[in-house]
Amino acid sequence: MVPDGKCNPKVYANWFLFKQGEIHAAGIGLAHLSQLPDHSIVHLHWGLWGVLAASTLSKSVLATVSGGWQFGWRVASALFLMLAAIALTLLWFQPPV
């Protein structure tokens, strides 16, 4: 912490990079699962949506902390709208199981 009570920007940057590394590791895990012949593509689609949801949450928190509530709200609302659009697309074009 710096003397004025605010957290150092390096802490935010490190936290963001750490979370992005975890999210990319999950994406790599999904890529490995896609190589298995007996795995359903539906599970991979929703797994990718989960990775995007985690990324959305991480970026929304970082935007709120770094830019204030108004900036965080604008960023979060756009990212959650993206998640909703992807979820609707997955539901609409989901192949029969």
C-alpha atoms as a PDB file:
ATOM      1  CA  MET A   1       0.000   0.000   0.000  1.00  0.00           C
ATOM      2  CA  VAL A   2       1.098   3.517  -0.687  1.00  0.00           C
ATOM      3  CA  PRO A   3       0.846   6.258   1.983  1.00  0.00           C
ATOM      4  CA  ASP A   4      -2.479   7.645   0.689  1.00  0.00           C
ATOM      5  CA  GLY A   5      -4.209   4.306   1.376  1.00  0.00           C
ATOM      6  CA  LYS A   6      -4.592   3.208  -2.242  1.00  0.00           C
ATOM      7  CA  CYS A   7      -3.150  -0.003  -3.549  1.00  0.00           C
ATOM      8  CA  ASN A   8      -0.128   0.053  -5.807  1.00  0.00           C
ATOM      9  CA  PRO A   9      -1.005  -0.339  -9.542  1.00  0.00           C
ATOM     10  CA  LYS A  10       1.606  -3.085  -9.774  1.00  0.00           C
ATOM     11  CA  VAL A  11      -0.567  -5.192  -7.473  1.00  0.00           C
ATOM     12  CA  TYR A  12      -3.495  -4.840  -9.882  1.00  0.00           C
ATOM     13  CA  ALA A  13      -1.316  -5.682 -12.866  1.00  0.00           C
ATOM     14  CA  ASN A  14       0.097  -8.772 -11.165  1.00  0.00           C
ATOM     15  CA  TRP A  15      -3.349  -9.940 -10.099  1.00  0.00           C
ATOM     16  CA  PHE A  16      -4.707  -9.461 -13.616  1.00  0.00           C
ATOM     17  CA  LEU A  17      -1.811 -11.345 -15.220  1.00  0.00           C
ATOM     18  CA  PHE A  18      -2.168 -14.172 -12.712  1.00  0.00           C
ATOM     19  CA  LYS A  19      -5.875 -14.549 -13.451  1.00  0.00           C
ATOM     20  CA  GLN A  20      -5.300 -14.399 -17.200  1.00  0.00           C
ATOM     21  CA  GLY A  21      -2.722 -17.163 -16.872  1.00  0.00           C
ATOM     22  CA  GLU A  22      -5.268 -19.348 -15.095  1.00  0.00           C
ATOM     23  CA  ILE A  23      -7.863 -18.627 -17.757  1.00  0.00           C
ATOM     24  CA  HIS A  24      -5.485 -19.501 -20.565  1.00  0.00           C
ATOM     25  CA  ALA A  25      -4.574 -22.742 -18.788  1.00  0.00           C
ATOM     26  CA  ALA A  26      -8.264 -23.666 -18.751  1.00  0.00           C
ATOM     27  CA  GLY A  27      -8.465 -22.914 -22.465  1.00  0.00           C
ATOM     28  CA  ILE A  28      -5.502 -25.172 -23.115  1.00  0.00           C
ATOM     29  CA  GLY A  29      -7.222 -27.910 -21.133  1.00  0.00           C
ATOM     30  CA  LEU A  30     -10.267 -27.565 -23.387  1.00  0.00           C
ATOM     31  CA  ALA A  31      -8.039 -27.788 -26.443  1.00  0.00           C
ATOM     32  CA  HIS A  32      -6.586 -31.042 -25.154  1.00  0.00           C
ATOM     33  CA  LEU A  33     -10.083 -32.393 -24.504  1.00  0.00           C
ATOM     34  CA  SER A  34     -11.070 -31.595 -28.081  1.00  0.00           C
ATOM     35  CA  GLN A  35      -8.446 -34.062 -29.268  1.00  0.00           C
ATOM     36  CA  LEU A  36     -10.215 -36.982 -27.571  1.00  0.00           C
ATOM     37  CA  PRO A  37     -12.446 -38.886 -29.992  1.00  0.00           C
ATOM     38  CA  ASP A  38     -15.218 -39.663 -27.495  1.00  0.00           C
ATOM     39  CA  HIS A  39     -15.770 -36.159 -26.108  1.00  0.00           C
ATOM     40  CA  SER A  40     -18.933 -34.222 -26.951  1.00  0.00           C
ATOM     41  CA  ILE A  41     -18.493 -30.885 -28.712  1.00  0.00           C
ATOM     42  CA  VAL A  42     -21.374 -29.474 -26.634  1.00  0.00           C
ATOM     43  CA  HIS A  43     -19.293 -29.802 -23.468  1.00  0.00           C
ATOM     44  CA  LEU A  44     -16.414 -28.007 -25.151  1.00  0.00           C
ATOM     45  CA  HIS A  45     -18.668 -25.146 -26.264  1.00  0.00           C
ATOM     46  CA  TRP A  46     -19.968 -24.587 -22.744  1.00  0.00           C
ATOM     47  CA  GLY A  47     -16.482 -25.023 -21.325  1.00  0.00           C
ATOM     48  CA  LEU A  48     -15.270 -22.220 -23.568  1.00  0.00           C
ATOM     49  CA  TRP A  49     -18.198 -20.118 -22.386  1.00  0.00           C
ATOM     50  CA  GLY A  50     -17.074 -20.755 -18.816  1.00  0.00           C
ATOM     51  CA  VAL A  51     -13.542 -19.614 -19.673  1.00  0.00           C
ATOM     52  CA  LEU A  52     -14.974 -16.441 -21.203  1.00  0.00           C
ATOM     53  CA  ALA A  53     -17.142 -15.904 -18.111  1.00  0.00           C
ATOM     54  CA  ALA A  54     -14.092 -16.126 -15.852  1.00  0.00           C
ATOM     55  CA  SER A  55     -12.239 -13.698 -18.095  1.00  0.00           C
ATOM     56  CA  THR A  56     -15.215 -11.325 -18.039  1.00  0.00           C
ATOM     57  CA  LEU A  57     -15.327 -11.351 -14.268  1.00  0.00           C
ATOM     58  CA  SER A  58     -11.591 -10.746 -13.979  1.00  0.00           C
ATOM     59  CA  LYS A  59     -11.631  -7.858 -16.430  1.00  0.00           C
ATOM     60  CA  SER A  60     -14.731  -6.323 -14.846  1.00  0.00           C
ATOM     61  CA  VAL A  61     -13.172  -6.303 -11.401  1.00  0.00           C
ATOM     62  CA  LEU A  62      -9.951  -4.832 -12.750  1.00  0.00           C
ATOM     63  CA  ALA A  63     -11.865  -2.117 -14.646  1.00  0.00           C
ATOM     64  CA  THR A  64     -13.842  -1.205 -11.524  1.00  0.00           C
ATOM     65  CA  VAL A  65     -10.766  -1.055  -9.319  1.00  0.00           C
ATOM     66  CA  SER A  66      -8.659   0.899 -11.781  1.00  0.00           C
ATOM     67  CA  GLY A  67     -11.250   3.256 -13.263  1.00  0.00           C
ATOM     68  CA  GLY A  68     -14.013   3.629 -10.703  1.00  0.00           C
ATOM     69  CA  TRP A  69     -17.601   2.452 -10.577  1.00  0.00           C
ATOM     70  CA  GLN A  70     -18.785   4.227 -13.721  1.00  0.00           C
ATOM     71  CA  PHE A  71     -15.978   2.895 -15.888  1.00  0.00           C
ATOM     72  CA  GLY A  72     -16.280  -0.571 -14.342  1.00  0.00           C
ATOM     73  CA  TRP A  73     -20.019  -0.601 -14.981  1.00  0.00           C
ATOM     74  CA  ARG A  74     -19.561   0.300 -18.652  1.00  0.00           C
ATOM     75  CA  VAL A  75     -16.893  -2.357 -19.195  1.00  0.00           C
ATOM     76  CA  ALA A  76     -18.770  -5.034 -17.221  1.00  0.00           C
ATOM     77  CA  SER A  77     -22.086  -4.398 -18.972  1.00  0.00           C
ATOM     78  CA  ALA A  78     -20.481  -4.730 -22.408  1.00  0.00           C
ATOM     79  CA  LEU A  79     -18.658  -7.912 -21.435  1.00  0.00           C
ATOM     80  CA  PHE A  80     -21.751  -9.479 -19.845  1.00  0.00           C
ATOM     81  CA  LEU A  81     -23.740  -8.600 -22.963  1.00  0.00           C
ATOM     82  CA  MET A  82     -21.122 -10.520 -24.940  1.00  0.00           C
ATOM     83  CA  LEU A  83     -21.572 -13.508 -22.608  1.00  0.00           C
ATOM     84  CA  ALA A  84     -25.341 -13.403 -23.012  1.00  0.00           C
ATOM     85  CA  ALA A  85     -25.045 -13.277 -26.810  1.00  0.00           C
ATOM     86  CA  ILE A  86     -22.701 -16.259 -26.829  1.00  0.00           C
ATOM     87  CA  ALA A  87     -24.972 -18.225 -24.491  1.00  0.00           C
ATOM     88  CA  LEU A  88     -27.993 -17.537 -26.695  1.00  0.00           C
ATOM     89  CA  THR A  89     -26.019 -18.569 -29.771  1.00  0.00           C
ATOM     90  CA  LEU A  90     -24.940 -21.798 -28.088  1.00  0.00           C
ATOM     91  CA  LEU A  91     -28.513 -22.577 -27.066  1.00  0.00           C
ATOM     92  CA  TRP A  92     -29.888 -21.749 -30.514  1.00  0.00           C
ATOM     93  CA  PHE A  93     -27.350 -23.779 -32.515  1.00  0.00           C
ATOM     94  CA  GLN A  94     -26.792 -26.576 -30.004  1.00  0.00           C
ATOM     95  CA  PRO A  95     -26.637 -29.865 -31.870  1.00  0.00           C
ATOM     96  CA  PRO A  96     -28.957 -32.643 -30.672  1.00  0.00           C
ATOM     97  CA  VAL A  97     -27.366 -34.898 -28.094  1.00  0.00           C
END
